Amino acid sequence: MDPQPPNGPSATRSLWLAIAGLFSLVIALVAGILKSQTGAGLADSALMSGGAFTAAMILCLGVLTAAQGPR
């Protein structure tokens, strides 16, 4: 068993995508909790969470793409 992590852009990119997904999940949870605190129903809160997750993930993917630079 090799104790060192794999090198290369694919391993780094996978980690950044996982971080982006977790960050988007946190944003979605916060948005859903805030929406439910206003007295909205479960469906409205879920819809708000889905929109927040999508928006945050698109923003994260855009930032990751821009940070990658030209090939």
PDB file of N, CA and C in Angstrom:
ATOM      1  N   MET A   1       0.843  -1.172   0.000  1.00  0.00           N
ATOM      2  CA  MET A   1       0.000   0.000   0.000  1.00  0.00           C
ATOM      3  C   MET A   1       0.890   1.237   0.000  1.00  0.00           C
ATOM      4  N   ASP A   2       0.592   2.174  -0.885  1.00  0.00           N
ATOM      5  CA  ASP A   2       1.378   3.393  -1.017  1.00  0.00           C
ATOM      6  C   ASP A   2       0.849   4.449  -0.045  1.00  0.00           C
ATOM      7  N   PRO A   3       1.655   4.940   0.891  1.00  0.00           N
ATOM      8  CA  PRO A   3       1.160   5.903   1.884  1.00  0.00           C
ATOM      9  C   PRO A   3       0.998   7.312   1.344  1.00  0.00           C
ATOM     10  N   GLN A   4       1.531   7.625   0.173  1.00  0.00           N
ATOM     11  CA  GLN A   4       1.440   8.974  -0.367  1.00  0.00           C
ATOM     12  C   GLN A   4       0.172   9.132  -1.200  1.00  0.00           C
ATOM     13  N   PRO A   5      -0.440  10.316  -1.148  1.00  0.00           N
ATOM     14  CA  PRO A   5      -1.628  10.548  -1.968  1.00  0.00           C
ATOM     15  C   PRO A   5      -1.251  10.614  -3.442  1.00  0.00           C
ATOM     16  N   PRO A   6      -2.194  10.332  -4.319  1.00  0.00           N
ATOM     17  CA  PRO A   6      -1.895  10.385  -5.749  1.00  0.00           C
ATOM     18  C   PRO A   6      -1.625  11.820  -6.192  1.00  0.00           C
ATOM     19  N   ASN A   7      -0.645  11.960  -7.063  1.00  0.00           N
ATOM     20  CA  ASN A   7      -0.312  13.276  -7.597  1.00  0.00           C
ATOM     21  C   ASN A   7      -1.001  13.476  -8.927  1.00  0.00           C
ATOM     22  N   GLY A   8      -1.179  14.712  -9.284  1.00  0.00           N
ATOM     23  CA  GLY A   8      -1.756  15.002 -10.578  1.00  0.00           C
ATOM     24  C   GLY A   8      -2.951  15.910 -10.469  1.00  0.00           C
ATOM     25  N   PRO A   9      -3.340  16.478 -11.590  1.00  0.00           N
ATOM     26  CA  PRO A   9      -4.448  17.429 -11.578  1.00  0.00           C
ATOM     27  C   PRO A   9      -5.803  16.784 -11.293  1.00  0.00           C
ATOM     28  N   SER A  10      -5.958  15.504 -11.607  1.00  0.00           N
ATOM     29  CA  SER A  10      -7.268  14.884 -11.395  1.00  0.00           C
ATOM     30  C   SER A  10      -7.572  14.716  -9.910  1.00  0.00           C
ATOM     31  N   ALA A  11      -6.563  14.388  -9.109  1.00  0.00           N
ATOM     32  CA  ALA A  11      -6.773  14.238  -7.670  1.00  0.00           C
ATOM     33  C   ALA A  11      -7.072  15.582  -7.031  1.00  0.00           C
ATOM     34  N   THR A  12      -6.343  16.607  -7.430  1.00  0.00           N
ATOM     35  CA  THR A  12      -6.572  17.945  -6.883  1.00  0.00           C
ATOM     36  C   THR A  12      -7.935  18.473  -7.301  1.00  0.00           C
ATOM     37  N   ARG A  13      -8.268  18.249  -8.551  1.00  0.00           N
ATOM     38  CA  ARG A  13      -9.569  18.731  -9.044  1.00  0.00           C
ATOM     39  C   ARG A  13     -10.721  18.031  -8.325  1.00  0.00           C
ATOM     40  N   SER A  14     -10.580  16.746  -8.066  1.00  0.00           N
ATOM     41  CA  SER A  14     -11.622  16.012  -7.349  1.00  0.00           C
ATOM     42  C   SER A  14     -11.823  16.556  -5.941  1.00  0.00           C
ATOM     43  N   LEU A  15     -10.719  16.893  -5.282  1.00  0.00           N
ATOM     44  CA  LEU A  15     -10.833  17.466  -3.947  1.00  0.00           C
ATOM     45  C   LEU A  15     -11.513  18.827  -3.972  1.00  0.00           C
ATOM     46  N   TRP A  16     -11.164  19.662  -4.944  1.00  0.00           N
ATOM     47  CA  TRP A  16     -11.809  20.974  -5.044  1.00  0.00           C
ATOM     48  C   TRP A  16     -13.297  20.846  -5.375  1.00  0.00           C
ATOM     49  N   LEU A  17     -13.651  19.869  -6.202  1.00  0.00           N
ATOM     50  CA  LEU A  17     -15.073  19.654  -6.503  1.00  0.00           C
ATOM     51  C   LEU A  17     -15.830  19.179  -5.268  1.00  0.00           C
ATOM     52  N   ALA A  18     -15.197  18.349  -4.457  1.00  0.00           N
ATOM     53  CA  ALA A  18     -15.827  17.907  -3.211  1.00  0.00           C
ATOM     54  C   ALA A  18     -16.012  19.075  -2.251  1.00  0.00           C
ATOM     55  N   ILE A  19     -15.021  19.939  -2.157  1.00  0.00           N
ATOM     56  CA  ILE A  19     -15.138  21.125  -1.301  1.00  0.00           C
ATOM     57  C   ILE A  19     -16.246  22.031  -1.805  1.00  0.00           C
ATOM     58  N   ALA A  20     -16.342  22.219  -3.111  1.00  0.00           N
ATOM     59  CA  ALA A  20     -17.396  23.053  -3.683  1.00  0.00           C
ATOM     60  C   ALA A  20     -18.775  22.467  -3.391  1.00  0.00           C
ATOM     61  N   GLY A  21     -18.897  21.149  -3.497  1.00  0.00           N
ATOM     62  CA  GLY A  21     -20.175  20.504  -3.200  1.00  0.00           C
ATOM     63  C   GLY A  21     -20.567  20.648  -1.740  1.00  0.00           C
ATOM     64  N   LEU A  22     -19.605  20.476  -0.844  1.00  0.00           N
ATOM     65  CA  LEU A  22     -19.912  20.628   0.584  1.00  0.00           C
ATOM     66  C   LEU A  22     -20.250  22.071   0.933  1.00  0.00           C
ATOM     67  N   PHE A  23     -19.531  23.017   0.337  1.00  0.00           N
ATOM     68  CA  PHE A  23     -19.834  24.425   0.558  1.00  0.00           C
ATOM     69  C   PHE A  23     -21.244  24.750   0.071  1.00  0.00           C
ATOM     70  N   SER A  24     -21.616  24.239  -1.090  1.00  0.00           N
ATOM     71  CA  SER A  24     -22.959  24.474  -1.633  1.00  0.00           C
ATOM     72  C   SER A  24     -24.025  23.831  -0.748  1.00  0.00           C
ATOM     73  N   LEU A  25     -23.709  22.676  -0.177  1.00  0.00           N
ATOM     74  CA  LEU A  25     -24.638  22.016   0.726  1.00  0.00           C
ATOM     75  C   LEU A  25     -24.876  22.848   1.980  1.00  0.00           C
ATOM     76  N   VAL A  26     -23.831  23.435   2.520  1.00  0.00           N
ATOM     77  CA  VAL A  26     -23.982  24.299   3.700  1.00  0.00           C
ATOM     78  C   VAL A  26     -24.835  25.513   3.361  1.00  0.00           C
ATOM     79  N   ILE A  27     -24.601  26.115   2.209  1.00  0.00           N
ATOM     80  CA  ILE A  27     -25.405  27.263   1.771  1.00  0.00           C
ATOM     81  C   ILE A  27     -26.867  26.861   1.640  1.00  0.00           C
ATOM     82  N   ALA A  28     -27.133  25.693   1.072  1.00  0.00           N
ATOM     83  CA  ALA A  28     -28.506  25.216   0.909  1.00  0.00           C
ATOM     84  C   ALA A  28     -29.178  24.970   2.257  1.00  0.00           C
ATOM     85  N   LEU A  29     -28.447  24.393   3.201  1.00  0.00           N
ATOM     86  CA  LEU A  29     -29.015  24.158   4.530  1.00  0.00           C
ATOM     87  C   LEU A  29     -29.368  25.462   5.226  1.00  0.00           C
ATOM     88  N   VAL A  30     -28.475  26.432   5.148  1.00  0.00           N
ATOM     89  CA  VAL A  30     -28.742  27.729   5.778  1.00  0.00           C
ATOM     90  C   VAL A  30     -29.948  28.401   5.130  1.00  0.00           C
ATOM     91  N   ALA A  31     -30.026  28.356   3.807  1.00  0.00           N
ATOM     92  CA  ALA A  31     -31.159  28.963   3.106  1.00  0.00           C
ATOM     93  C   ALA A  31     -32.469  28.276   3.484  1.00  0.00           C
ATOM     94  N   GLY A  32     -32.460  26.952   3.580  1.00  0.00           N
ATOM     95  CA  GLY A  32     -33.676  26.227   3.957  1.00  0.00           C
ATOM     96  C   GLY A  32     -34.104  26.519   5.385  1.00  0.00           C
ATOM     97  N   ILE A  33     -33.148  26.607   6.287  1.00  0.00           N
ATOM     98  CA  ILE A  33     -33.477  26.914   7.687  1.00  0.00           C
ATOM     99  C   ILE A  33     -34.033  28.323   7.804  1.00  0.00           C
ATOM    100  N   LEU A  34     -33.399  29.277   7.126  1.00  0.00           N
ATOM    101  CA  LEU A  34     -33.894  30.649   7.183  1.00  0.00           C
ATOM    102  C   LEU A  34     -35.291  30.767   6.580  1.00  0.00           C
ATOM    103  N   LYS A  35     -35.528  30.057   5.493  1.00  0.00           N
ATOM    104  CA  LYS A  35     -36.857  30.100   4.861  1.00  0.00           C
ATOM    105  C   LYS A  35     -37.909  29.477   5.776  1.00  0.00           C
ATOM    106  N   SER A  36     -37.562  28.385   6.453  1.00  0.00           N
ATOM    107  CA  SER A  36     -38.542  27.748   7.335  1.00  0.00           C
ATOM    108  C   SER A  36     -38.836  28.604   8.564  1.00  0.00           C
ATOM    109  N   GLN A  37     -37.888  29.447   8.965  1.00  0.00           N
ATOM    110  CA  GLN A  37     -38.103  30.329  10.110  1.00  0.00           C
ATOM    111  C   GLN A  37     -39.091  31.442   9.797  1.00  0.00           C
ATOM    112  N   THR A  38     -39.354  31.694   8.532  1.00  0.00           N
ATOM    113  CA  THR A  38     -40.326  32.715   8.156  1.00  0.00           C
ATOM    114  C   THR A  38     -41.751  32.183   8.172  1.00  0.00           C
ATOM    115  N   GLY A  39     -41.896  30.900   8.451  1.00  0.00           N
ATOM    116  CA  GLY A  39     -43.225  30.304   8.491  1.00  0.00           C
ATOM    117  C   GLY A  39     -43.625  29.632   7.191  1.00  0.00           C
ATOM    118  N   ALA A  40     -42.705  29.515   6.277  1.00  0.00           N
ATOM    119  CA  ALA A  40     -43.003  28.871   5.000  1.00  0.00           C
ATOM    120  C   ALA A  40     -43.147  27.365   5.201  1.00  0.00           C
ATOM    121  N   GLY A  41     -43.828  26.726   4.289  1.00  0.00           N
ATOM    122  CA  GLY A  41     -44.026  25.288   4.359  1.00  0.00           C
ATOM    123  C   GLY A  41     -42.785  24.523   3.939  1.00  0.00           C
ATOM    124  N   LEU A  42     -42.876  23.214   4.080  1.00  0.00           N
ATOM    125  CA  LEU A  42     -41.752  22.346   3.754  1.00  0.00           C
ATOM    126  C   LEU A  42     -41.401  22.421   2.271  1.00  0.00           C
ATOM    127  N   ALA A  43     -42.399  22.466   1.416  1.00  0.00           N
ATOM    128  CA  ALA A  43     -42.140  22.513  -0.026  1.00  0.00           C
ATOM    129  C   ALA A  43     -41.438  23.811  -0.412  1.00  0.00           C
ATOM    130  N   ASP A  44     -41.862  24.924   0.171  1.00  0.00           N
ATOM    131  CA  ASP A  44     -41.209  26.200  -0.128  1.00  0.00           C
ATOM    132  C   ASP A  44     -39.762  26.213   0.363  1.00  0.00           C
ATOM    133  N   SER A  45     -39.534  25.645   1.530  1.00  0.00           N
ATOM    134  CA  SER A  45     -38.180  25.591   2.073  1.00  0.00           C
ATOM    135  C   SER A  45     -37.285  24.695   1.217  1.00  0.00           C
ATOM    136  N   ALA A  46     -37.822  23.569   0.764  1.00  0.00           N
ATOM    137  CA  ALA A  46     -37.046  22.662  -0.081  1.00  0.00           C
ATOM    138  C   ALA A  46     -36.729  23.309  -1.429  1.00  0.00           C
ATOM    139  N   LEU A  47     -37.686  24.045  -1.973  1.00  0.00           N
ATOM    140  CA  LEU A  47     -37.456  24.727  -3.242  1.00  0.00           C
ATOM    141  C   LEU A  47     -36.387  25.805  -3.092  1.00  0.00           C
ATOM    142  N   MET A  48     -36.421  26.526  -1.993  1.00  0.00           N
ATOM    143  CA  MET A  48     -35.416  27.546  -1.733  1.00  0.00           C
ATOM    144  C   MET A  48     -34.032  26.907  -1.566  1.00  0.00           C
ATOM    145  N   SER A  49     -33.986  25.786  -0.854  1.00  0.00           N
ATOM    146  CA  SER A  49     -32.709  25.086  -0.660  1.00  0.00           C
ATOM    147  C   SER A  49     -32.133  24.594  -1.979  1.00  0.00           C
ATOM    148  N   GLY A  50     -32.977  24.054  -2.824  1.00  0.00           N
ATOM    149  CA  GLY A  50     -32.514  23.577  -4.123  1.00  0.00           C
ATOM    150  C   GLY A  50     -31.974  24.697  -4.989  1.00  0.00           C
ATOM    151  N   GLY A  51     -32.657  25.820  -4.973  1.00  0.00           N
ATOM    152  CA  GLY A  51     -32.178  26.972  -5.733  1.00  0.00           C
ATOM    153  C   GLY A  51     -30.869  27.517  -5.198  1.00  0.00           C
ATOM    154  N   ALA A  52     -30.748  27.552  -3.869  1.00  0.00           N
ATOM    155  CA  ALA A  52     -29.507  28.039  -3.257  1.00  0.00           C
ATOM    156  C   ALA A  52     -28.346  27.106  -3.561  1.00  0.00           C
ATOM    157  N   PHE A  53     -28.597  25.792  -3.514  1.00  0.00           N
ATOM    158  CA  PHE A  53     -27.540  24.834  -3.834  1.00  0.00           C
ATOM    159  C   PHE A  53     -27.093  24.997  -5.276  1.00  0.00           C
ATOM    160  N   THR A  54     -28.047  25.111  -6.181  1.00  0.00           N
ATOM    161  CA  THR A  54     -27.719  25.248  -7.599  1.00  0.00           C
ATOM    162  C   THR A  54     -26.930  26.517  -7.864  1.00  0.00           C
ATOM    163  N   ALA A  55     -27.374  27.623  -7.289  1.00  0.00           N
ATOM    164  CA  ALA A  55     -26.677  28.888  -7.499  1.00  0.00           C
ATOM    165  C   ALA A  55     -25.267  28.853  -6.919  1.00  0.00           C
ATOM    166  N   ALA A  56     -25.121  28.301  -5.729  1.00  0.00           N
ATOM    167  CA  ALA A  56     -23.802  28.241  -5.106  1.00  0.00           C
ATOM    168  C   ALA A  56     -22.867  27.313  -5.884  1.00  0.00           C
ATOM    169  N   MET A  57     -23.385  26.195  -6.370  1.00  0.00           N
ATOM    170  CA  MET A  57     -22.544  25.253  -7.112  1.00  0.00           C
ATOM    171  C   MET A  57     -22.110  25.857  -8.444  1.00  0.00           C
ATOM    172  N   ILE A  58     -23.003  26.546  -9.128  1.00  0.00           N
ATOM    173  CA  ILE A  58     -22.641  27.203 -10.388  1.00  0.00           C
ATOM    174  C   ILE A  58     -21.573  28.260 -10.139  1.00  0.00           C
ATOM    175  N   LEU A  59     -21.729  29.023  -9.068  1.00  0.00           N
ATOM    176  CA  LEU A  59     -20.731  30.034  -8.732  1.00  0.00           C
ATOM    177  C   LEU A  59     -19.382  29.390  -8.409  1.00  0.00           C
ATOM    178  N   CYS A  60     -19.388  28.320  -7.628  1.00  0.00           N
ATOM    179  CA  CYS A  60     -18.146  27.623  -7.285  1.00  0.00           C
ATOM    180  C   CYS A  60     -17.470  27.042  -8.518  1.00  0.00           C
ATOM    181  N   LEU A  61     -18.243  26.442  -9.398  1.00  0.00           N
ATOM    182  CA  LEU A  61     -17.668  25.873 -10.616  1.00  0.00           C
ATOM    183  C   LEU A  61     -17.093  26.967 -11.510  1.00  0.00           C
ATOM    184  N   GLY A  62     -17.748  28.110 -11.558  1.00  0.00           N
ATOM    185  CA  GLY A  62     -17.218  29.237 -12.322  1.00  0.00           C
ATOM    186  C   GLY A  62     -15.907  29.749 -11.758  1.00  0.00           C
ATOM    187  N   VAL A  63     -15.833  29.841 -10.439  1.00  0.00           N
ATOM    188  CA  VAL A  63     -14.593  30.284  -9.800  1.00  0.00           C
ATOM    189  C   VAL A  63     -13.480  29.271 -10.016  1.00  0.00           C
ATOM    190  N   LEU A  64     -13.795  27.981  -9.894  1.00  0.00           N
ATOM    191  CA  LEU A  64     -12.773  26.954 -10.127  1.00  0.00           C
ATOM    192  C   LEU A  64     -12.277  26.956 -11.564  1.00  0.00           C
ATOM    193  N   THR A  65     -13.176  27.175 -12.497  1.00  0.00           N
ATOM    194  CA  THR A  65     -12.799  27.224 -13.905  1.00  0.00           C
ATOM    195  C   THR A  65     -11.919  28.439 -14.183  1.00  0.00           C
ATOM    196  N   ALA A  66     -12.294  29.586 -13.605  1.00  0.00           N
ATOM    197  CA  ALA A  66     -11.499  30.804 -13.805  1.00  0.00           C
ATOM    198  C   ALA A  66     -10.136  30.689 -13.135  1.00  0.00           C
ATOM    199  N   ALA A  67     -10.087  30.035 -11.997  1.00  0.00           N
ATOM    200  CA  ALA A  67      -8.815  29.890 -11.295  1.00  0.00           C
ATOM    201  C   ALA A  67      -7.876  28.912 -11.996  1.00  0.00           C
ATOM    202  N   GLN A  68      -8.453  28.023 -12.778  1.00  0.00           N
ATOM    203  CA  GLN A  68      -7.629  27.050 -13.502  1.00  0.00           C
ATOM    204  C   GLN A  68      -6.816  27.746 -14.589  1.00  0.00           C
ATOM    205  N   GLY A  69      -7.367  28.777 -15.167  1.00  0.00           N
ATOM    206  CA  GLY A  69      -6.648  29.533 -16.186  1.00  0.00           C
ATOM    207  C   GLY A  69      -6.659  28.845 -17.530  1.00  0.00           C
ATOM    208  N   PRO A  70      -6.041  29.474 -18.504  1.00  0.00           N
ATOM    209  CA  PRO A  70      -5.978  28.872 -19.848  1.00  0.00           C
ATOM    210  C   PRO A  70      -5.067  27.656 -19.859  1.00  0.00           C
ATOM    211  N   ARG A  71      -5.414  26.706 -20.695  1.00  0.00           N
ATOM    212  CA  ARG A  71      -4.599  25.487 -20.800  1.00  0.00           C
ATOM    213  C   ARG A  71      -3.563  25.636 -21.850  1.00  0.00           C
TER     214      ARG A  71
END
